[in-house]
Amino acid sequence: MSEQQEVHLPNHGGSGWTPKKVLFAFLAALLVPIVTIVLVAHLFIDTSPTEVPNPAAVEANIKPFGEVSVVNPNAPVVELTGEQVVTNTCSACHATGALGAPKIGNKSEWGPRIAEGYATLIKHAMNGYKAMPAKGGNTSLDQYEISEAIAYMANKAGANFKVPAPPAQAASATPASSATPPAGSGNKAPPSSAPLPTNPAPAQKMSPNASSAKPAMKNSDMAEGKQVFEGTCIACHGSGVMGAPKAFNKADWAPHLAKGKATLLQHAMNGYKAMPPHGGNPSLTEAQLSAAIDYMSTPK
């Protein structure tokens, strides 16, 4: 009997490639790049629905940076009331008493100020006084508005100040030729158009030989020095408070004059001890301060 020879085929455990597996592999090879391309395209293409632009937003975006506003020069100017001025400007200090300002409604703090007189308080507010800047820091206010604000605050503390007539009424009471403001002066009447109350600070008499004398007084206008003194310097030099040499007092001024006019003017410009620069009124020029020094240091 002859022996049969057996042939064994290699067994791969049934993991051989079948037509079905080949088809799936082919489809996967096609789908993976397609899906990748679609996902990448979504990153760069906005597929959200188109929104209708808001007309207001469009107008805001194209609005020009600047605009031309035409103002009628003959339009009447509405003056602020005293309460409005206090609310917008004065309350910053007078509502809390900051920097030594008399608090609104406090009779003990306002009493000494009321005693100085309505006109003096208006001058202090217009020109600045101690820590208070001129016009309370709001240079757009005119004298009438300042006087209204002072009356509003002082009357709450027991004063009985009467506000002067508005500039429009004051101008109507004058002849037409003098009531017409110069060209380019604007609608608001100048501060001097609103009359001060009838209780101004006492006027100082001029010395007969006040304008003679020193070379330093050569270019000084004594009338201007008087005006600066009564508007600003009188606060300290009128009574000699805080060591200030009293106006027209020869003994008080002697040691200061010994330092020389240039030194006194430098002290007035830059401040000295308790005196602030420019006497607290930064609008004063060197010439005005010089005139005020000449005026105050001349004995009466």
Protein backbone atom coordinates (compact mmCIF):
# COMPACT_ATOMS: atom_id res chain seq x y z
CA MET A 1 0.00 0.00 0.00
CA SER A 2 1.44 3.34 -1.06
CA GLU A 3 1.76 6.30 1.34
CA GLN A 4 -0.21 9.49 0.59
CA GLN A 5 1.60 12.80 0.92
CA GLU A 6 -0.42 15.57 2.72
CA VAL A 7 -0.11 19.19 1.68
CA HIS A 8 -0.87 21.87 4.42
CA LEU A 9 -1.86 25.43 3.31
CA PRO A 10 -0.83 28.32 5.56
CA ASN A 11 -3.56 29.31 8.02
CA HIS A 12 -3.88 33.08 8.69
CA GLY A 13 -6.56 32.68 11.28
CA GLY A 14 -9.33 33.83 8.95
CA SER A 15 -8.01 37.41 8.72
CA GLY A 16 -7.52 37.49 5.03
CA TRP A 17 -8.74 40.43 2.85
CA THR A 18 -12.19 39.75 1.58
CA PRO A 19 -13.93 41.81 -1.11
CA LYS A 20 -16.14 43.40 1.55
CA LYS A 21 -13.18 44.56 3.61
CA VAL A 22 -11.48 45.95 0.56
CA LEU A 23 -14.61 47.98 -0.27
CA PHE A 24 -14.83 49.47 3.24
CA ALA A 25 -11.15 50.40 3.17
CA PHE A 26 -11.61 52.12 -0.19
CA LEU A 27 -14.61 54.12 1.00
CA ALA A 28 -12.81 55.16 4.20
CA ALA A 29 -9.84 56.35 2.15
CA LEU A 30 -12.23 58.58 0.16
CA LEU A 31 -14.40 59.89 3.03
CA VAL A 32 -11.65 60.94 5.45
CA PRO A 33 -10.12 63.62 3.16
CA ILE A 34 -13.59 64.84 2.13
CA VAL A 35 -14.71 65.31 5.76
CA THR A 36 -11.43 67.03 6.59
CA ILE A 37 -11.83 69.46 3.68
CA VAL A 38 -15.42 70.32 4.72
CA LEU A 39 -14.43 71.00 8.34
CA VAL A 40 -11.55 73.24 7.30
CA ALA A 41 -13.82 75.14 4.88
CA HIS A 42 -16.26 75.90 7.74
CA LEU A 43 -13.48 77.70 9.59
CA PHE A 44 -13.05 80.25 6.78
CA ILE A 45 -16.55 80.53 5.31
CA ASP A 46 -19.31 82.31 7.31
CA THR A 47 -22.44 80.26 6.77
CA SER A 48 -24.59 82.23 9.27
CA PRO A 49 -27.69 83.95 7.84
CA THR A 50 -27.16 87.47 6.55
CA GLU A 51 -28.46 90.12 8.99
CA VAL A 52 -30.20 93.28 7.86
CA PRO A 53 -28.03 96.26 9.03
CA ASN A 54 -29.48 98.55 11.67
CA PRO A 55 -29.93 102.03 10.09
CA ALA A 56 -29.09 103.76 13.38
CA ALA A 57 -25.86 101.79 13.71
CA VAL A 58 -24.91 102.56 10.12
CA GLU A 59 -25.54 106.27 10.67
CA ALA A 60 -23.43 106.24 13.84
CA ASN A 61 -20.56 104.56 12.00
CA ILE A 62 -20.51 107.10 9.16
CA LYS A 63 -21.14 110.14 11.36
CA PRO A 64 -18.39 112.78 10.86
CA PHE A 65 -15.99 113.58 13.69
CA GLY A 66 -16.86 117.27 13.74
CA GLU A 67 -19.96 119.29 13.11
CA VAL A 68 -20.55 122.93 12.32
CA SER A 69 -23.04 124.58 14.66
CA VAL A 70 -24.51 127.90 13.58
CA VAL A 71 -25.55 130.09 16.51
CA ASN A 72 -27.74 133.10 16.17
CA PRO A 73 -25.73 136.00 17.70
CA ASN A 74 -28.98 137.81 18.49
CA ALA A 75 -30.51 134.90 20.38
CA PRO A 76 -31.21 135.79 24.02
CA VAL A 77 -28.99 134.17 26.65
CA VAL A 78 -30.79 132.49 29.50
CA GLU A 79 -29.08 133.23 32.81
CA LEU A 80 -28.72 130.36 35.27
CA THR A 81 -30.58 130.65 38.55
CA GLY A 82 -28.73 130.81 41.84
CA GLU A 83 -29.79 127.28 42.69
CA GLN A 84 -28.52 125.99 39.34
CA VAL A 85 -25.14 127.68 39.80
CA VAL A 86 -24.82 126.28 43.32
CA THR A 87 -25.78 122.78 42.18
CA ASN A 88 -23.44 122.78 39.18
CA THR A 89 -20.43 124.59 40.65
CA CYS A 90 -20.52 125.84 44.24
CA SER A 91 -21.80 122.65 45.88
CA ALA A 92 -18.44 120.96 45.24
CA CYS A 93 -17.07 122.78 48.30
CA HIS A 94 -19.99 124.55 49.96
CA ALA A 95 -22.12 121.41 50.30
CA THR A 96 -19.50 119.68 52.46
CA GLY A 97 -17.45 122.61 53.78
CA ALA A 98 -14.34 121.44 51.95
CA LEU A 99 -11.24 123.70 52.05
CA GLY A 100 -12.84 125.88 54.71
CA ALA A 101 -15.82 126.91 52.55
CA PRO A 102 -18.87 127.96 54.62
CA LYS A 103 -21.36 125.12 54.44
CA ILE A 104 -24.74 125.85 52.90
CA GLY A 105 -27.32 126.54 55.62
CA ASN A 106 -24.75 126.81 58.43
CA LYS A 107 -25.50 130.15 60.11
CA SER A 108 -22.41 130.14 62.35
CA GLU A 109 -20.10 129.71 59.34
CA TRP A 110 -21.93 132.18 57.11
CA GLY A 111 -22.42 134.81 59.82
CA PRO A 112 -18.96 136.45 59.52
CA ARG A 113 -19.19 136.36 55.73
CA ILE A 114 -22.64 137.94 55.67
CA ALA A 115 -21.32 140.69 57.94
CA GLU A 116 -18.74 141.61 55.28
CA GLY A 117 -21.56 142.63 52.95
CA TYR A 118 -23.06 141.35 49.74
CA ALA A 119 -20.72 143.38 47.52
CA THR A 120 -17.60 142.01 49.21
CA LEU A 121 -18.80 138.43 48.84
CA ILE A 122 -19.48 139.02 45.15
CA LYS A 123 -15.97 140.43 44.66
CA HIS A 124 -14.43 137.47 46.47
CA ALA A 125 -16.37 135.05 44.30
CA MET A 126 -15.55 136.90 41.08
CA ASN A 127 -11.83 137.33 41.76
CA GLY A 128 -11.13 134.31 43.98
CA TYR A 129 -10.54 134.25 47.71
CA LYS A 130 -8.15 132.04 49.69
CA ALA A 131 -8.65 128.46 48.42
CA MET A 132 -11.61 129.43 46.23
CA PRO A 133 -10.65 130.13 42.60
CA ALA A 134 -12.19 132.97 40.63
CA LYS A 135 -15.85 132.27 39.82
CA GLY A 136 -15.59 129.03 41.74
CA GLY A 137 -13.52 127.59 38.90
CA ASN A 138 -16.31 128.03 36.33
CA THR A 139 -15.14 130.89 34.11
CA SER A 140 -18.34 130.79 32.01
CA LEU A 141 -20.35 132.33 34.86
CA ASP A 142 -21.05 136.05 34.74
CA GLN A 143 -21.41 138.47 37.63
CA TYR A 144 -25.20 138.23 37.72
CA GLU A 145 -25.09 134.44 38.02
CA ILE A 146 -22.43 134.69 40.75
CA SER A 147 -24.54 137.20 42.68
CA GLU A 148 -27.56 134.90 42.44
CA ALA A 149 -25.56 131.95 43.78
CA ILE A 150 -24.24 133.96 46.74
CA ALA A 151 -27.70 135.23 47.61
CA TYR A 152 -29.08 131.69 47.37
CA MET A 153 -26.48 130.28 49.80
CA ALA A 154 -26.27 133.25 52.16
CA ASN A 155 -30.05 133.66 52.46
CA LYS A 156 -30.31 130.04 53.56
CA ALA A 157 -28.07 131.02 56.48
CA GLY A 158 -30.13 134.04 57.52
CA ALA A 159 -29.08 136.78 55.10
CA ASN A 160 -31.57 138.89 53.21
CA PHE A 161 -29.58 139.74 50.09
CA LYS A 162 -31.53 141.13 47.16
CA VAL A 163 -30.26 140.01 43.76
CA PRO A 164 -29.68 142.94 41.36
CA ALA A 165 -31.60 143.19 38.12
CA PRO A 166 -30.54 140.82 35.31
CA PRO A 167 -28.20 142.31 32.67
CA ALA A 168 -31.03 142.42 30.10
CA GLN A 169 -33.18 144.57 32.37
CA ALA A 170 -30.25 146.75 33.38
CA ALA A 171 -29.38 147.32 29.71
CA SER A 172 -33.00 148.22 28.85
CA ALA A 173 -32.92 150.95 31.49
CA THR A 174 -29.96 152.69 29.79
CA PRO A 175 -29.95 154.71 26.53
CA ALA A 176 -29.74 152.61 23.38
CA SER A 177 -26.39 154.09 22.39
CA SER A 178 -24.74 153.00 25.64
CA ALA A 179 -26.59 149.70 25.96
CA THR A 180 -25.32 148.29 22.65
CA PRO A 181 -22.30 146.04 23.26
CA PRO A 182 -19.28 146.37 21.00
CA ALA A 183 -18.99 144.02 18.05
CA GLY A 184 -17.72 140.56 18.93
CA SER A 185 -18.47 140.94 22.62
CA GLY A 186 -20.98 138.09 22.60
CA ASN A 187 -24.47 137.89 24.06
CA LYS A 188 -23.61 137.96 27.75
CA ALA A 189 -23.15 141.37 29.19
CA PRO A 190 -19.73 141.96 30.77
CA PRO A 191 -19.49 141.42 34.51
CA SER A 192 -19.69 145.13 35.14
CA SER A 193 -23.14 145.33 33.48
CA ALA A 194 -24.84 143.73 36.47
CA PRO A 195 -24.80 146.45 39.12
CA LEU A 196 -23.40 145.58 42.49
CA PRO A 197 -25.58 146.02 45.57
CA THR A 198 -25.49 149.36 47.28
CA ASN A 199 -23.26 148.23 50.17
CA PRO A 200 -19.76 148.09 48.63
CA ALA A 201 -16.62 147.99 50.72
CA PRO A 202 -15.55 151.45 51.93
CA ALA A 203 -13.46 153.26 49.34
CA GLN A 204 -9.94 154.16 50.30
CA LYS A 205 -8.93 157.82 49.94
CA MET A 206 -5.96 158.53 47.75
CA SER A 207 -2.99 160.33 49.19
CA PRO A 208 -2.25 163.70 47.56
CA ASN A 209 1.35 162.65 46.94
CA ALA A 210 0.63 159.03 46.11
CA SER A 211 1.70 159.28 42.47
CA SER A 212 4.95 161.17 43.13
CA ALA A 213 7.88 159.52 44.68
CA LYS A 214 9.55 156.26 43.90
CA PRO A 215 10.96 155.23 40.50
CA ALA A 216 9.27 151.86 41.01
CA MET A 217 5.92 153.62 40.76
CA LYS A 218 6.73 155.18 37.43
CA ASN A 219 4.80 152.70 35.31
CA SER A 220 2.19 151.87 37.93
CA ASP A 221 -1.34 153.10 37.64
CA MET A 222 -2.51 153.92 41.15
CA ALA A 223 -6.14 153.60 40.08
CA GLU A 224 -5.42 150.07 38.92
CA GLY A 225 -3.59 149.32 42.16
CA LYS A 226 -6.63 150.48 44.09
CA GLN A 227 -8.87 148.23 42.01
CA VAL A 228 -6.65 145.18 42.56
CA PHE A 229 -6.45 145.90 46.27
CA GLU A 230 -10.20 146.22 46.69
CA GLY A 231 -10.90 143.18 44.52
CA THR A 232 -8.30 140.75 45.90
CA CYS A 233 -5.68 142.01 48.36
CA ILE A 234 -8.16 143.57 50.79
CA ALA A 235 -9.04 140.09 52.07
CA CYS A 236 -5.79 139.97 54.06
CA HIS A 237 -4.13 143.36 53.73
CA GLY A 238 -7.30 145.22 54.63
CA SER A 239 -7.20 144.02 58.24
CA GLY A 240 -3.69 142.55 58.50
CA VAL A 241 -4.81 138.95 59.02
CA MET A 242 -2.28 136.10 58.94
CA GLY A 243 0.61 138.53 59.38
CA ALA A 244 -0.07 140.46 56.18
CA PRO A 245 1.15 144.08 56.37
CA LYS A 246 -1.94 146.25 56.75
CA ALA A 247 -2.58 148.53 53.79
CA PHE A 248 -1.31 152.12 54.20
CA ASN A 249 0.34 151.27 57.56
CA LYS A 250 3.85 152.70 57.42
CA ALA A 251 5.13 150.66 60.38
CA ASP A 252 3.82 147.37 58.94
CA TRP A 253 5.29 148.00 55.50
CA ALA A 254 8.68 149.38 56.57
CA PRO A 255 10.47 146.01 57.04
CA HIS A 256 8.98 144.70 53.80
CA LEU A 257 9.95 147.75 51.77
CA ALA A 258 13.46 147.40 53.12
CA LYS A 259 13.75 144.15 51.12
CA GLY A 260 13.22 146.05 47.90
CA LYS A 261 10.36 146.29 45.44
CA ALA A 262 11.72 143.44 43.32
CA THR A 263 11.59 141.05 46.28
CA LEU A 264 8.05 142.10 47.20
CA LEU A 265 6.90 141.60 43.62
CA GLN A 266 8.54 138.17 43.52
CA HIS A 267 6.72 137.21 46.74
CA ALA A 268 3.43 138.40 45.27
CA MET A 269 3.98 136.46 42.04
CA ASN A 270 5.19 133.18 43.56
CA GLY A 271 3.55 133.25 46.98
CA TYR A 272 5.11 133.92 50.35
CA LYS A 273 4.29 132.27 53.69
CA ALA A 274 0.49 132.32 54.04
CA MET A 275 -0.02 134.39 50.85
CA PRO A 276 -0.77 132.27 47.75
CA PRO A 277 0.72 133.15 44.33
CA HIS A 278 -0.91 136.21 42.78
CA GLY A 279 -2.78 136.74 46.04
CA GLY A 280 -5.03 133.81 45.10
CA ASN A 281 -6.14 135.43 41.83
CA PRO A 282 -4.12 133.82 39.01
CA SER A 283 -5.56 136.26 36.44
CA LEU A 284 -3.56 139.18 37.90
CA THR A 285 -0.55 140.24 35.85
CA GLU A 286 2.83 141.30 37.15
CA ALA A 287 2.01 144.93 36.35
CA GLN A 288 -1.25 144.74 38.30
CA LEU A 289 0.48 143.19 41.32
CA SER A 290 3.15 145.87 41.14
CA ALA A 291 0.48 148.57 41.14
CA ALA A 292 -1.25 146.97 44.11
CA ILE A 293 2.00 146.88 46.11
CA ASP A 294 2.61 150.56 45.37
CA TYR A 295 -0.93 151.42 46.36
CA MET A 296 -0.94 149.47 49.65
CA SER A 297 2.55 150.49 50.75
CA THR A 298 1.88 154.21 50.36
CA PRO A 299 0.91 155.70 53.74
CA LYS A 300 -2.41 157.54 53.94
